Amino acid sequence: MDQWAFFDELKAGKVHNVYLFYGPEAYIRKSAVAALEKKTLMPGLESMNRTVMSAPSAQAVIENCETLPMMSDYRLIIVQDCALLAPGKARDEAQDSELLAAYLTRVPETTCLVFDAGEAVDKRKKLSKALLALPGAVSFDALDDAQLSRWIGQQLRPMGKKMDRAACEALAFTSGRDLTMLRGELEKLAAYTGDRDVITPEDIDRIATHTAECTVFAMVDALSAGKVRAAFELLGVLLCAGEQRIGILAMITRHYRQMMHLCAMQKDGLQQGQMAKALGMPPFALTRLSRQVGKRSYAVLKACVEQCVQADYDIKRGALREDAALDRLILTLAKS
C-alpha cells in the first residue's frame, strides 16, 4: 500500500503486526513511525515498550519481539539499517534471512515489528520478498505536485497561513522538494509574513533558500538578458555555497539542453502537459523555461549546448583550468 492508505488504516484503528517502510520520502516515513508509536504505545510508557535496533542479528530481532509489553497492548520494535534488505551481501545472510522470513508469520499479537528500510530495498532478496508480500508493506513515494500542495497546506494550517498553488509551485522550484527542508522554509516564511495570512511567490523569492538548480536558472535569466555582471554574481553565490565549478558547468549544460529540447517540442506543437512530463518539471518551471527560450531558434540553443560540452572537454583534456573555462563560457553564452 502507499503512505496515504497507511495513514487511513491507522486512523481507522487498524494496526498490522509487521510493517516494511521503504521509499524516498524520508520525512513522511518518519511521520509514519511517529504516528504508529502514538497509536500503539501507552502515554508515559513509551520508553518501556519501544526498542530501536540498528543492524541487528535475526536472533536479536526475534528475542525482542517475544518480549511482552509492559502495561500496554503493544511492544513496538523498530529495525533500522537492516543489511538483509539492502543491496549487497550481508554477513550470515542466507541463515538470518531464512530465520526472519519464517518468523514473520509468528510475530506475537502484542508486538508491532517495523522494518524502516529507508530508500534502498533490494526487492530480489528473500526477506524483502517476504515483507513485500505482507499487507503491512508501505511504499513512501515522492509527492506529485497536487500532493505536495496539499501537504504544504496541512503544514501551514496550524500556523494560520496559506499559499495558493502558484506559490506552492514557486516554493518547490526555489527550495526543492525535500519535505524536511520545506518544513523549515515554511516556518521561516510564516515568521517573515507576520500578521499576513497569505504567503506569496514574492515572499518566497525574497526569503526562501534557493537551491543550486534555482540559482542556475536565475543565472541563465541574466545571461538571456545580457547581464554578465549579474551572472558572475550568481556564480559567486554558488561557489560560496560550496558548489564546484565542474558541477556548476554540468547544471548549466543540462539547463541549456532542456531549453533546446523545449524549443524542439514547441516547434512540433506539443501541449504544455506533454512537454512538462517529457522534461520532468512542474508547469511553473516550464513557464519560466519557455520565457528563457523566447524567440531563440533551435540552432542557436544547440550551439549553446555545444559550447557547454566544449568547455567540459577543454577542462577534462587539460587545455583550460576550470575557472577559465567557466568564465569564458559565461561570456560566450551572454552573447548568444
C-alpha atoms as a PDB file:
ATOM      1  CA  MET A   1       0.000   0.000   0.000  1.00  0.00           C
ATOM      2  CA  ASP A   2       1.048   3.612  -0.311  1.00  0.00           C
ATOM      3  CA  GLN A   3       1.628   6.111   2.501  1.00  0.00           C
ATOM      4  CA  TRP A   4      -1.895   7.546   2.285  1.00  0.00           C
ATOM      5  CA  ALA A   5      -3.506   4.121   2.674  1.00  0.00           C
ATOM      6  CA  PHE A   6      -1.303   3.525   5.719  1.00  0.00           C
ATOM      7  CA  PHE A   7      -2.483   6.707   7.440  1.00  0.00           C
ATOM      8  CA  ASP A   8      -6.114   5.901   6.557  1.00  0.00           C
ATOM      9  CA  GLU A   9      -5.764   2.428   8.097  1.00  0.00           C
ATOM     10  CA  LEU A  10      -4.140   3.816  11.205  1.00  0.00           C
ATOM     11  CA  LYS A  11      -6.866   6.438  11.585  1.00  0.00           C
ATOM     12  CA  ALA A  12      -9.440   3.649  11.368  1.00  0.00           C
ATOM     13  CA  GLY A  13      -7.642   1.810  14.188  1.00  0.00           C
ATOM     14  CA  LYS A  14      -6.056  -0.955  12.100  1.00  0.00           C
ATOM     15  CA  VAL A  15      -2.522  -1.961  13.114  1.00  0.00           C
ATOM     16  CA  HIS A  16      -0.526  -4.764  11.458  1.00  0.00           C
ATOM     17  CA  ASN A  17       1.960  -6.867  13.401  1.00  0.00           C
ATOM     18  CA  VAL A  18       4.665  -6.447  10.766  1.00  0.00           C
ATOM     19  CA  TYR A  19       5.475  -3.410   8.621  1.00  0.00           C
ATOM     20  CA  LEU A  20       8.024  -2.634   5.940  1.00  0.00           C
ATOM     21  CA  PHE A  21       8.544   1.101   5.429  1.00  0.00           C
ATOM     22  CA  TYR A  22      10.548   1.966   2.317  1.00  0.00           C
ATOM     23  CA  GLY A  23      10.849   4.648  -0.346  1.00  0.00           C
ATOM     24  CA  PRO A  24      12.429   8.058  -0.971  1.00  0.00           C
ATOM     25  CA  GLU A  25      10.082  10.248   1.089  1.00  0.00           C
ATOM     26  CA  ALA A  26      12.028  10.243   4.370  1.00  0.00           C
ATOM     27  CA  TYR A  27      10.015  12.967   6.138  1.00  0.00           C
ATOM     28  CA  ILE A  28       6.706  11.122   5.763  1.00  0.00           C
ATOM     29  CA  ARG A  29       8.364   7.816   6.692  1.00  0.00           C
ATOM     30  CA  LYS A  30       9.485   9.447   9.924  1.00  0.00           C
ATOM     31  CA  SER A  31       5.976  10.842  10.466  1.00  0.00           C
ATOM     32  CA  ALA A  32       4.538   7.351   9.912  1.00  0.00           C
ATOM     33  CA  VAL A  33       6.794   5.854  12.578  1.00  0.00           C
ATOM     34  CA  ALA A  34       5.740   8.632  14.994  1.00  0.00           C
ATOM     35  CA  ALA A  35       2.049   8.053  14.201  1.00  0.00           C
ATOM     36  CA  LEU A  36       2.421   4.313  14.724  1.00  0.00           C
ATOM     37  CA  GLU A  37       4.206   4.978  18.012  1.00  0.00           C
ATOM     38  CA  LYS A  38       1.367   7.215  19.175  1.00  0.00           C
ATOM     39  CA  LYS A  39      -1.231   4.616  18.166  1.00  0.00           C
ATOM     40  CA  THR A  40       0.393   1.577  19.751  1.00  0.00           C
ATOM     41  CA  LEU A  41       2.132   2.824  22.906  1.00  0.00           C
ATOM     42  CA  MET A  42       0.579   3.981  26.161  1.00  0.00           C
ATOM     43  CA  PRO A  43       1.480   7.610  27.023  1.00  0.00           C
ATOM     44  CA  GLY A  44       4.235   7.751  29.630  1.00  0.00           C
ATOM     45  CA  LEU A  45       5.319   4.159  28.995  1.00  0.00           C
ATOM     46  CA  GLU A  46       6.890   4.675  25.557  1.00  0.00           C
ATOM     47  CA  SER A  47      10.481   4.032  26.663  1.00  0.00           C
ATOM     48  CA  MET A  48       9.479   0.708  28.272  1.00  0.00           C
ATOM     49  CA  ASN A  49       7.728  -0.633  25.190  1.00  0.00           C
ATOM     50  CA  ARG A  50       9.746   0.802  22.302  1.00  0.00           C
ATOM     51  CA  THR A  51      13.008  -0.704  21.065  1.00  0.00           C
ATOM     52  CA  VAL A  52      15.000   0.760  18.175  1.00  0.00           C
ATOM     53  CA  MET A  53      17.554  -1.654  16.730  1.00  0.00           C
ATOM     54  CA  SER A  54      20.303  -0.765  14.262  1.00  0.00           C
ATOM     55  CA  ALA A  55      21.662  -3.556  12.041  1.00  0.00           C
ATOM     56  CA  PRO A  56      20.605  -6.309  14.490  1.00  0.00           C
ATOM     57  CA  SER A  57      21.006 -10.037  14.040  1.00  0.00           C
ATOM     58  CA  ALA A  58      17.927 -12.098  13.235  1.00  0.00           C
ATOM     59  CA  GLN A  59      18.040 -13.709  16.667  1.00  0.00           C
ATOM     60  CA  ALA A  60      18.135 -10.318  18.408  1.00  0.00           C
ATOM     61  CA  VAL A  61      15.034  -9.202  16.486  1.00  0.00           C
ATOM     62  CA  ILE A  62      13.153 -12.356  17.415  1.00  0.00           C
ATOM     63  CA  GLU A  63      14.108 -12.155  21.089  1.00  0.00           C
ATOM     64  CA  ASN A  64      12.854  -8.564  21.320  1.00  0.00           C
ATOM     65  CA  CYS A  65       9.619  -9.454  19.531  1.00  0.00           C
ATOM     66  CA  GLU A  66       8.965 -12.262  22.005  1.00  0.00           C
ATOM     67  CA  THR A  67       9.233  -9.892  24.985  1.00  0.00           C
ATOM     68  CA  LEU A  68       5.816  -8.988  26.382  1.00  0.00           C
ATOM     69  CA  PRO A  69       4.793  -5.313  26.606  1.00  0.00           C
ATOM     70  CA  MET A  70       4.699  -3.513  29.959  1.00  0.00           C
ATOM     71  CA  MET A  71       1.157  -2.328  30.816  1.00  0.00           C
ATOM     72  CA  SER A  72       0.400  -1.734  27.148  1.00  0.00           C
ATOM     73  CA  ASP A  73      -1.326  -3.529  24.268  1.00  0.00           C
ATOM     74  CA  TYR A  74       1.765  -3.452  22.079  1.00  0.00           C
ATOM     75  CA  ARG A  75       5.526  -3.591  22.130  1.00  0.00           C
ATOM     76  CA  LEU A  76       6.986  -1.594  19.212  1.00  0.00           C
ATOM     77  CA  ILE A  77      10.194  -2.904  17.636  1.00  0.00           C
ATOM     78  CA  ILE A  78      11.823  -0.659  15.006  1.00  0.00           C
ATOM     79  CA  VAL A  79      14.590  -2.218  12.900  1.00  0.00           C
ATOM     80  CA  GLN A  80      16.865   0.182  11.019  1.00  0.00           C
ATOM     81  CA  ASP A  81      19.855  -0.381   8.706  1.00  0.00           C
ATOM     82  CA  CYS A  82      18.904  -3.997   8.071  1.00  0.00           C
ATOM     83  CA  ALA A  83      21.555  -5.404   5.733  1.00  0.00           C
ATOM     84  CA  LEU A  84      19.219  -8.266   4.797  1.00  0.00           C
ATOM     85  CA  LEU A  85      17.076  -5.747   2.878  1.00  0.00           C
ATOM     86  CA  ALA A  86      19.780  -3.524   1.402  1.00  0.00           C
ATOM     87  CA  PRO A  87      21.777  -4.051  -1.794  1.00  0.00           C
ATOM     88  CA  GLY A  88      24.958  -6.042  -1.311  1.00  0.00           C
ATOM     89  CA  LYS A  89      25.819  -9.220   0.526  1.00  0.00           C
ATOM     90  CA  ALA A  90      25.291  -9.316   4.302  1.00  0.00           C
ATOM     91  CA  ARG A  91      27.074 -11.471   6.835  1.00  0.00           C
ATOM     92  CA  ASP A  92      25.217 -14.760   7.515  1.00  0.00           C
ATOM     93  CA  GLU A  93      22.588 -13.541   5.052  1.00  0.00           C
ATOM     94  CA  ALA A  94      21.153 -16.903   3.971  1.00  0.00           C
ATOM     95  CA  GLN A  95      20.712 -18.151   7.538  1.00  0.00           C
ATOM     96  CA  ASP A  96      19.354 -14.907   9.001  1.00  0.00           C
ATOM     97  CA  SER A  97      17.025 -14.288   6.053  1.00  0.00           C
ATOM     98  CA  GLU A  98      15.592 -17.771   6.323  1.00  0.00           C
ATOM     99  CA  LEU A  99      15.108 -17.367  10.073  1.00  0.00           C
ATOM    100  CA  LEU A 100      13.387 -13.959   9.894  1.00  0.00           C
ATOM    101  CA  ALA A 101      11.268 -14.748   6.813  1.00  0.00           C
ATOM    102  CA  ALA A 102       9.896 -17.830   8.569  1.00  0.00           C
ATOM    103  CA  TYR A 103       9.269 -15.866  11.780  1.00  0.00           C
ATOM    104  CA  LEU A 104       7.179 -13.101  10.175  1.00  0.00           C
ATOM    105  CA  THR A 105       4.017 -15.200  10.315  1.00  0.00           C
ATOM    106  CA  ARG A 106       4.610 -15.997  14.004  1.00  0.00           C
ATOM    107  CA  VAL A 107       5.116 -12.473  15.367  1.00  0.00           C
ATOM    108  CA  PRO A 108       3.038 -12.215  18.573  1.00  0.00           C
ATOM    109  CA  GLU A 109      -0.177 -10.192  18.515  1.00  0.00           C
ATOM    110  CA  THR A 110       1.323  -7.994  21.242  1.00  0.00           C
ATOM    111  CA  THR A 111       4.252  -6.974  19.009  1.00  0.00           C
ATOM    112  CA  CYS A 112       4.377  -4.410  16.223  1.00  0.00           C
ATOM    113  CA  LEU A 113       7.567  -5.017  14.227  1.00  0.00           C
ATOM    114  CA  VAL A 114       8.642  -2.264  11.815  1.00  0.00           C
ATOM    115  CA  PHE A 115      11.461  -2.607   9.296  1.00  0.00           C
ATOM    116  CA  ASP A 116      12.347   1.009   8.482  1.00  0.00           C
ATOM    117  CA  ALA A 117      14.386   0.223   5.388  1.00  0.00           C
ATOM    118  CA  GLY A 118      14.955   3.716   4.018  1.00  0.00           C
ATOM    119  CA  GLU A 119      15.161   4.302   0.302  1.00  0.00           C
ATOM    120  CA  ALA A 120      17.289   1.345  -0.767  1.00  0.00           C
ATOM    121  CA  VAL A 121      15.470  -2.009  -0.669  1.00  0.00           C
ATOM    122  CA  ASP A 122      16.741  -4.911  -2.747  1.00  0.00           C
ATOM    123  CA  LYS A 123      13.471  -6.497  -3.815  1.00  0.00           C
ATOM    124  CA  ARG A 124      15.269  -9.631  -5.025  1.00  0.00           C
ATOM    125  CA  LYS A 125      16.297 -10.683  -1.514  1.00  0.00           C
ATOM    126  CA  LYS A 126      14.432 -13.358   0.430  1.00  0.00           C
ATOM    127  CA  LEU A 127      13.451 -11.187   3.406  1.00  0.00           C
ATOM    128  CA  SER A 128      12.418  -8.322   1.111  1.00  0.00           C
ATOM    129  CA  LYS A 129      10.133 -10.613  -0.868  1.00  0.00           C
ATOM    130  CA  ALA A 130       8.588 -11.978   2.331  1.00  0.00           C
ATOM    131  CA  LEU A 131       7.922  -8.491   3.727  1.00  0.00           C
ATOM    132  CA  LEU A 132       6.606  -7.092   0.443  1.00  0.00           C
ATOM    133  CA  ALA A 133       4.058  -9.906   0.314  1.00  0.00           C
ATOM    134  CA  LEU A 134       2.556  -8.805   3.645  1.00  0.00           C
ATOM    135  CA  PRO A 135      -0.302  -6.260   3.980  1.00  0.00           C
ATOM    136  CA  GLY A 136       1.979  -4.021   6.085  1.00  0.00           C
ATOM    137  CA  ALA A 137       4.393  -3.214   3.247  1.00  0.00           C
ATOM    138  CA  VAL A 138       4.195   0.577   2.772  1.00  0.00           C
ATOM    139  CA  SER A 139       5.833   2.490  -0.072  1.00  0.00           C
ATOM    140  CA  PHE A 140       6.674   6.124   0.715  1.00  0.00           C
ATOM    141  CA  ASP A 141       6.939   7.673  -2.724  1.00  0.00           C
ATOM    142  CA  ALA A 142       7.888  11.252  -3.614  1.00  0.00           C
ATOM    143  CA  LEU A 143       4.873  13.568  -3.731  1.00  0.00           C
ATOM    144  CA  ASP A 144       3.478  14.783  -7.024  1.00  0.00           C
ATOM    145  CA  ASP A 145       2.566  18.458  -7.461  1.00  0.00           C
ATOM    146  CA  ALA A 146      -1.022  18.122  -6.202  1.00  0.00           C
ATOM    147  CA  GLN A 147       0.025  16.046  -3.176  1.00  0.00           C
ATOM    148  CA  LEU A 148       2.815  18.494  -2.369  1.00  0.00           C
ATOM    149  CA  SER A 149       0.377  21.424  -2.455  1.00  0.00           C
ATOM    150  CA  ARG A 150      -1.961  19.581  -0.069  1.00  0.00           C
ATOM    151  CA  TRP A 151       0.927  18.738   2.251  1.00  0.00           C
ATOM    152  CA  ILE A 152       2.069  22.371   2.324  1.00  0.00           C
ATOM    153  CA  GLY A 153      -1.493  23.437   3.136  1.00  0.00           C
ATOM    154  CA  GLN A 154      -1.635  20.941   6.012  1.00  0.00           C
ATOM    155  CA  GLN A 155       1.648  22.227   7.422  1.00  0.00           C
ATOM    156  CA  LEU A 156       0.582  25.882   7.168  1.00  0.00           C
ATOM    157  CA  ARG A 157      -2.867  25.478   8.714  1.00  0.00           C
ATOM    158  CA  PRO A 158      -1.684  25.346  12.364  1.00  0.00           C
ATOM    159  CA  MET A 159       0.499  28.394  11.642  1.00  0.00           C
ATOM    160  CA  GLY A 160      -2.527  30.380  10.460  1.00  0.00           C
ATOM    161  CA  LYS A 161      -1.064  30.760   6.970  1.00  0.00           C
ATOM    162  CA  LYS A 162      -1.977  29.673   3.467  1.00  0.00           C
ATOM    163  CA  MET A 163      -0.487  29.558  -0.025  1.00  0.00           C
ATOM    164  CA  ASP A 164      -2.161  29.144  -3.393  1.00  0.00           C
ATOM    165  CA  ARG A 165      -0.992  26.544  -5.884  1.00  0.00           C
ATOM    166  CA  ALA A 166       1.248  29.009  -7.750  1.00  0.00           C
ATOM    167  CA  ALA A 167       3.061  29.857  -4.503  1.00  0.00           C
ATOM    168  CA  CYS A 168       3.444  26.146  -3.679  1.00  0.00           C
ATOM    169  CA  GLU A 169       4.993  25.536  -7.091  1.00  0.00           C
ATOM    170  CA  ALA A 170       7.263  28.551  -6.602  1.00  0.00           C
ATOM    171  CA  LEU A 171       8.465  27.194  -3.250  1.00  0.00           C
ATOM    172  CA  ALA A 172       9.170  23.721  -4.680  1.00  0.00           C
ATOM    173  CA  PHE A 173      11.035  25.319  -7.583  1.00  0.00           C
ATOM    174  CA  THR A 174      13.021  27.642  -5.315  1.00  0.00           C
ATOM    175  CA  SER A 175      13.856  25.393  -2.358  1.00  0.00           C
ATOM    176  CA  GLY A 176      13.437  21.887  -3.768  1.00  0.00           C
ATOM    177  CA  ARG A 177      11.032  19.096  -2.848  1.00  0.00           C
ATOM    178  CA  ASP A 178      12.705  17.640   0.245  1.00  0.00           C
ATOM    179  CA  LEU A 179       9.969  17.814   2.885  1.00  0.00           C
ATOM    180  CA  THR A 180      12.329  18.197   5.823  1.00  0.00           C
ATOM    181  CA  MET A 181      13.868  21.220   4.104  1.00  0.00           C
ATOM    182  CA  LEU A 182      10.444  22.577   3.105  1.00  0.00           C
ATOM    183  CA  ARG A 183       9.115  22.333   6.657  1.00  0.00           C
ATOM    184  CA  GLY A 184      11.901  24.662   7.788  1.00  0.00           C
ATOM    185  CA  GLU A 185      11.234  27.028   4.887  1.00  0.00           C
ATOM    186  CA  LEU A 186       7.518  27.193   5.753  1.00  0.00           C
ATOM    187  CA  GLU A 187       8.305  28.087   9.352  1.00  0.00           C
ATOM    188  CA  LYS A 188      10.678  30.799   8.137  1.00  0.00           C
ATOM    189  CA  LEU A 189       8.091  32.189   5.715  1.00  0.00           C
ATOM    190  CA  ALA A 190       5.383  32.136   8.386  1.00  0.00           C
ATOM    191  CA  ALA A 191       7.595  34.193  10.697  1.00  0.00           C
ATOM    192  CA  TYR A 192       8.572  36.571   7.878  1.00  0.00           C
ATOM    193  CA  THR A 193       4.972  37.356   6.839  1.00  0.00           C
ATOM    194  CA  GLY A 194       3.959  38.315  10.387  1.00  0.00           C
ATOM    195  CA  ASP A 195       0.260  39.192  10.614  1.00  0.00           C
ATOM    196  CA  ARG A 196      -0.375  38.474   6.932  1.00  0.00           C
ATOM    197  CA  ASP A 197      -2.116  35.147   6.438  1.00  0.00           C
ATOM    198  CA  VAL A 198      -1.181  34.652   2.751  1.00  0.00           C
ATOM    199  CA  ILE A 199       2.355  33.745   1.648  1.00  0.00           C
ATOM    200  CA  THR A 200       3.064  34.963  -1.883  1.00  0.00           C
ATOM    201  CA  PRO A 201       5.613  33.968  -4.563  1.00  0.00           C
ATOM    202  CA  GLU A 202       7.306  37.323  -3.906  1.00  0.00           C
ATOM    203  CA  ASP A 203       7.826  36.350  -0.248  1.00  0.00           C
ATOM    204  CA  ILE A 204       9.336  33.070  -1.385  1.00  0.00           C
ATOM    205  CA  ASP A 205      11.715  34.714  -3.839  1.00  0.00           C
ATOM    206  CA  ARG A 206      12.793  37.200  -1.168  1.00  0.00           C
ATOM    207  CA  ILE A 207      13.298  34.955   1.864  1.00  0.00           C
ATOM    208  CA  ALA A 208      13.340  31.235   0.939  1.00  0.00           C
ATOM    209  CA  THR A 209      16.574  29.296   0.491  1.00  0.00           C
ATOM    210  CA  HIS A 210      17.474  28.946  -3.189  1.00  0.00           C
ATOM    211  CA  THR A 211      18.764  25.588  -4.394  1.00  0.00           C
ATOM    212  CA  ALA A 212      21.752  25.414  -6.731  1.00  0.00           C
ATOM    213  CA  GLU A 213      19.426  24.497  -9.614  1.00  0.00           C
ATOM    214  CA  CYS A 214      17.249  27.535  -8.916  1.00  0.00           C
ATOM    215  CA  THR A 215      20.314  29.799  -8.829  1.00  0.00           C
ATOM    216  CA  VAL A 216      21.473  28.383 -12.185  1.00  0.00           C
ATOM    217  CA  PHE A 217      18.003  29.181 -13.524  1.00  0.00           C
ATOM    218  CA  ALA A 218      18.468  32.796 -12.388  1.00  0.00           C
ATOM    219  CA  MET A 219      21.944  32.826 -13.929  1.00  0.00           C
ATOM    220  CA  VAL A 220      20.523  31.785 -17.307  1.00  0.00           C
ATOM    221  CA  ASP A 221      17.885  34.537 -16.916  1.00  0.00           C
ATOM    222  CA  ALA A 222      20.746  37.004 -16.521  1.00  0.00           C
ATOM    223  CA  LEU A 223      22.633  35.568 -19.495  1.00  0.00           C
ATOM    224  CA  SER A 224      19.494  35.710 -21.650  1.00  0.00           C
ATOM    225  CA  ALA A 225      19.213  39.406 -20.827  1.00  0.00           C
ATOM    226  CA  GLY A 226      22.919  40.001 -21.475  1.00  0.00           C
ATOM    227  CA  LYS A 227      23.534  40.866 -17.806  1.00  0.00           C
ATOM    228  CA  VAL A 228      27.045  39.481 -17.499  1.00  0.00           C
ATOM    229  CA  ARG A 229      27.783  41.084 -14.138  1.00  0.00           C
ATOM    230  CA  ALA A 230      24.645  39.597 -12.578  1.00  0.00           C
ATOM    231  CA  ALA A 231      25.546  36.179 -13.982  1.00  0.00           C
ATOM    232  CA  PHE A 232      29.013  36.339 -12.396  1.00  0.00           C
ATOM    233  CA  GLU A 233      27.493  37.465  -9.080  1.00  0.00           C
ATOM    234  CA  LEU A 234      25.251  34.392  -9.114  1.00  0.00           C
ATOM    235  CA  LEU A 235      28.277  32.245  -9.934  1.00  0.00           C
ATOM    236  CA  GLY A 236      29.883  33.684  -6.819  1.00  0.00           C
ATOM    237  CA  VAL A 237      26.795  32.744  -4.778  1.00  0.00           C
ATOM    238  CA  LEU A 238      27.087  29.141  -5.961  1.00  0.00           C
ATOM    239  CA  LEU A 239      30.810  28.974  -5.214  1.00  0.00           C
ATOM    240  CA  CYS A 240      30.316  30.446  -1.735  1.00  0.00           C
ATOM    241  CA  ALA A 241      27.654  27.777  -1.120  1.00  0.00           C
ATOM    242  CA  GLY A 242      30.277  25.099  -1.764  1.00  0.00           C
ATOM    243  CA  GLU A 243      29.391  24.140  -5.329  1.00  0.00           C
ATOM    244  CA  GLN A 244      32.298  23.053  -7.528  1.00  0.00           C
ATOM    245  CA  ARG A 245      32.852  24.693 -10.924  1.00  0.00           C
ATOM    246  CA  ILE A 246      32.653  21.382 -12.773  1.00  0.00           C
ATOM    247  CA  GLY A 247      29.291  20.722 -11.101  1.00  0.00           C
ATOM    248  CA  ILE A 248      28.030  24.205 -11.990  1.00  0.00           C
ATOM    249  CA  LEU A 249      29.094  23.611 -15.592  1.00  0.00           C
ATOM    250  CA  ALA A 250      27.098  20.356 -15.607  1.00  0.00           C
ATOM    251  CA  MET A 251      23.995  22.185 -14.324  1.00  0.00           C
ATOM    252  CA  ILE A 252      24.361  24.931 -16.940  1.00  0.00           C
ATOM    253  CA  THR A 253      24.789  22.311 -19.680  1.00  0.00           C
ATOM    254  CA  ARG A 254      21.696  20.436 -18.507  1.00  0.00           C
ATOM    255  CA  HIS A 255      19.708  23.676 -18.436  1.00  0.00           C
ATOM    256  CA  TYR A 256      20.601  24.684 -21.992  1.00  0.00           C
ATOM    257  CA  ARG A 257      19.915  21.134 -23.164  1.00  0.00           C
ATOM    258  CA  GLN A 258      16.423  21.388 -21.624  1.00  0.00           C
ATOM    259  CA  MET A 259      15.913  24.695 -23.431  1.00  0.00           C
ATOM    260  CA  MET A 260      16.964  23.063 -26.711  1.00  0.00           C
ATOM    261  CA  HIS A 261      14.559  20.143 -26.208  1.00  0.00           C
ATOM    262  CA  LEU A 262      11.736  22.508 -25.225  1.00  0.00           C
ATOM    263  CA  CYS A 263      12.313  24.577 -28.364  1.00  0.00           C
ATOM    264  CA  ALA A 264      12.051  21.410 -30.484  1.00  0.00           C
ATOM    265  CA  MET A 265       8.844  20.321 -28.724  1.00  0.00           C
ATOM    266  CA  GLN A 266       7.289  23.769 -29.159  1.00  0.00           C
ATOM    267  CA  LYS A 267       8.074  23.584 -32.853  1.00  0.00           C
ATOM    268  CA  ASP A 268       6.355  20.188 -33.013  1.00  0.00           C
ATOM    269  CA  GLY A 269       3.249  21.660 -31.368  1.00  0.00           C
ATOM    270  CA  LEU A 270       3.243  19.602 -28.156  1.00  0.00           C
ATOM    271  CA  GLN A 271       0.912  20.595 -25.321  1.00  0.00           C
ATOM    272  CA  GLN A 272       2.181  22.065 -22.028  1.00  0.00           C
ATOM    273  CA  GLY A 273       1.430  18.883 -20.101  1.00  0.00           C
ATOM    274  CA  GLN A 274       3.280  16.727 -22.608  1.00  0.00           C
ATOM    275  CA  MET A 275       6.324  18.982 -22.528  1.00  0.00           C
ATOM    276  CA  ALA A 276       6.359  19.154 -18.719  1.00  0.00           C
ATOM    277  CA  LYS A 277       6.219  15.357 -18.481  1.00  0.00           C
ATOM    278  CA  ALA A 278       8.926  14.877 -21.097  1.00  0.00           C
ATOM    279  CA  LEU A 279      11.272  17.302 -19.326  1.00  0.00           C
ATOM    280  CA  GLY A 280      10.334  16.101 -15.831  1.00  0.00           C
ATOM    281  CA  MET A 281       9.462  19.549 -14.483  1.00  0.00           C
ATOM    282  CA  PRO A 282       6.358  21.222 -12.988  1.00  0.00           C
ATOM    283  CA  PRO A 283       4.295  23.717 -15.040  1.00  0.00           C
ATOM    284  CA  PHE A 284       5.714  26.663 -13.036  1.00  0.00           C
ATOM    285  CA  ALA A 285       9.290  25.803 -14.057  1.00  0.00           C
ATOM    286  CA  LEU A 286       8.232  25.042 -17.628  1.00  0.00           C
ATOM    287  CA  THR A 287       6.691  28.505 -17.966  1.00  0.00           C
ATOM    288  CA  ARG A 288       9.937  30.115 -16.828  1.00  0.00           C
ATOM    289  CA  LEU A 289      11.957  27.901 -19.147  1.00  0.00           C
ATOM    290  CA  SER A 290       9.677  28.900 -22.048  1.00  0.00           C
ATOM    291  CA  ARG A 291      10.404  32.554 -21.332  1.00  0.00           C
ATOM    292  CA  GLN A 292      14.124  31.830 -21.432  1.00  0.00           C
ATOM    293  CA  VAL A 293      13.787  30.074 -24.779  1.00  0.00           C
ATOM    294  CA  GLY A 294      11.907  33.121 -26.063  1.00  0.00           C
ATOM    295  CA  LYS A 295      12.439  33.646 -29.774  1.00  0.00           C
ATOM    296  CA  ARG A 296      15.705  31.729 -29.901  1.00  0.00           C
ATOM    297  CA  SER A 297      15.994  29.169 -32.641  1.00  0.00           C
ATOM    298  CA  TYR A 298      16.805  25.522 -32.158  1.00  0.00           C
ATOM    299  CA  ALA A 299      20.109  26.100 -33.947  1.00  0.00           C
ATOM    300  CA  VAL A 300      21.150  28.837 -31.518  1.00  0.00           C
ATOM    301  CA  LEU A 301      20.310  26.719 -28.481  1.00  0.00           C
ATOM    302  CA  LYS A 302      22.093  23.713 -29.957  1.00  0.00           C
ATOM    303  CA  ALA A 303      25.179  25.894 -30.425  1.00  0.00           C
ATOM    304  CA  CYS A 304      24.953  26.914 -26.734  1.00  0.00           C
ATOM    305  CA  VAL A 305      24.865  23.257 -25.704  1.00  0.00           C
ATOM    306  CA  GLU A 306      27.867  22.530 -27.915  1.00  0.00           C
ATOM    307  CA  GLN A 307      29.765  25.399 -26.260  1.00  0.00           C
ATOM    308  CA  CYS A 308      28.984  23.907 -22.835  1.00  0.00           C
ATOM    309  CA  VAL A 309      30.186  20.492 -23.968  1.00  0.00           C
ATOM    310  CA  GLN A 310      33.348  22.030 -25.416  1.00  0.00           C
ATOM    311  CA  ALA A 311      34.083  23.780 -22.104  1.00  0.00           C
ATOM    312  CA  ASP A 312      33.753  20.452 -20.303  1.00  0.00           C
ATOM    313  CA  TYR A 313      36.038  18.794 -22.861  1.00  0.00           C
ATOM    314  CA  ASP A 314      38.638  21.568 -22.533  1.00  0.00           C
ATOM    315  CA  ILE A 315      38.733  21.083 -18.771  1.00  0.00           C
ATOM    316  CA  LYS A 316      38.998  17.307 -18.929  1.00  0.00           C
ATOM    317  CA  ARG A 317      41.763  17.287 -21.533  1.00  0.00           C
ATOM    318  CA  GLY A 318      43.707  19.881 -19.553  1.00  0.00           C
ATOM    319  CA  ALA A 319      43.506  22.660 -22.148  1.00  0.00           C
ATOM    320  CA  LEU A 320      41.883  25.098 -19.698  1.00  0.00           C
ATOM    321  CA  ARG A 321      41.550  25.393 -15.947  1.00  0.00           C
ATOM    322  CA  GLU A 322      38.025  25.072 -14.566  1.00  0.00           C
ATOM    323  CA  ASP A 323      37.771  28.767 -13.642  1.00  0.00           C
ATOM    324  CA  ALA A 324      38.990  29.972 -17.038  1.00  0.00           C
ATOM    325  CA  ALA A 325      36.724  27.593 -18.977  1.00  0.00           C
ATOM    326  CA  LEU A 326      33.626  28.536 -16.960  1.00  0.00           C
ATOM    327  CA  ASP A 327      34.321  32.274 -17.128  1.00  0.00           C
ATOM    328  CA  ARG A 328      34.811  32.102 -20.883  1.00  0.00           C
ATOM    329  CA  LEU A 329      31.621  30.079 -21.302  1.00  0.00           C
ATOM    330  CA  ILE A 330      29.555  32.614 -19.358  1.00  0.00           C
ATOM    331  CA  LEU A 331      30.865  35.451 -21.531  1.00  0.00           C
ATOM    332  CA  THR A 332      30.104  33.455 -24.673  1.00  0.00           C
ATOM    333  CA  LEU A 333      26.576  32.478 -23.604  1.00  0.00           C
ATOM    334  CA  ALA A 334      25.756  36.095 -22.741  1.00  0.00           C
ATOM    335  CA  LYS A 335      26.229  36.941 -26.426  1.00  0.00           C
ATOM    336  CA  SER A 336      24.053  34.117 -27.766  1.00  0.00           C
END
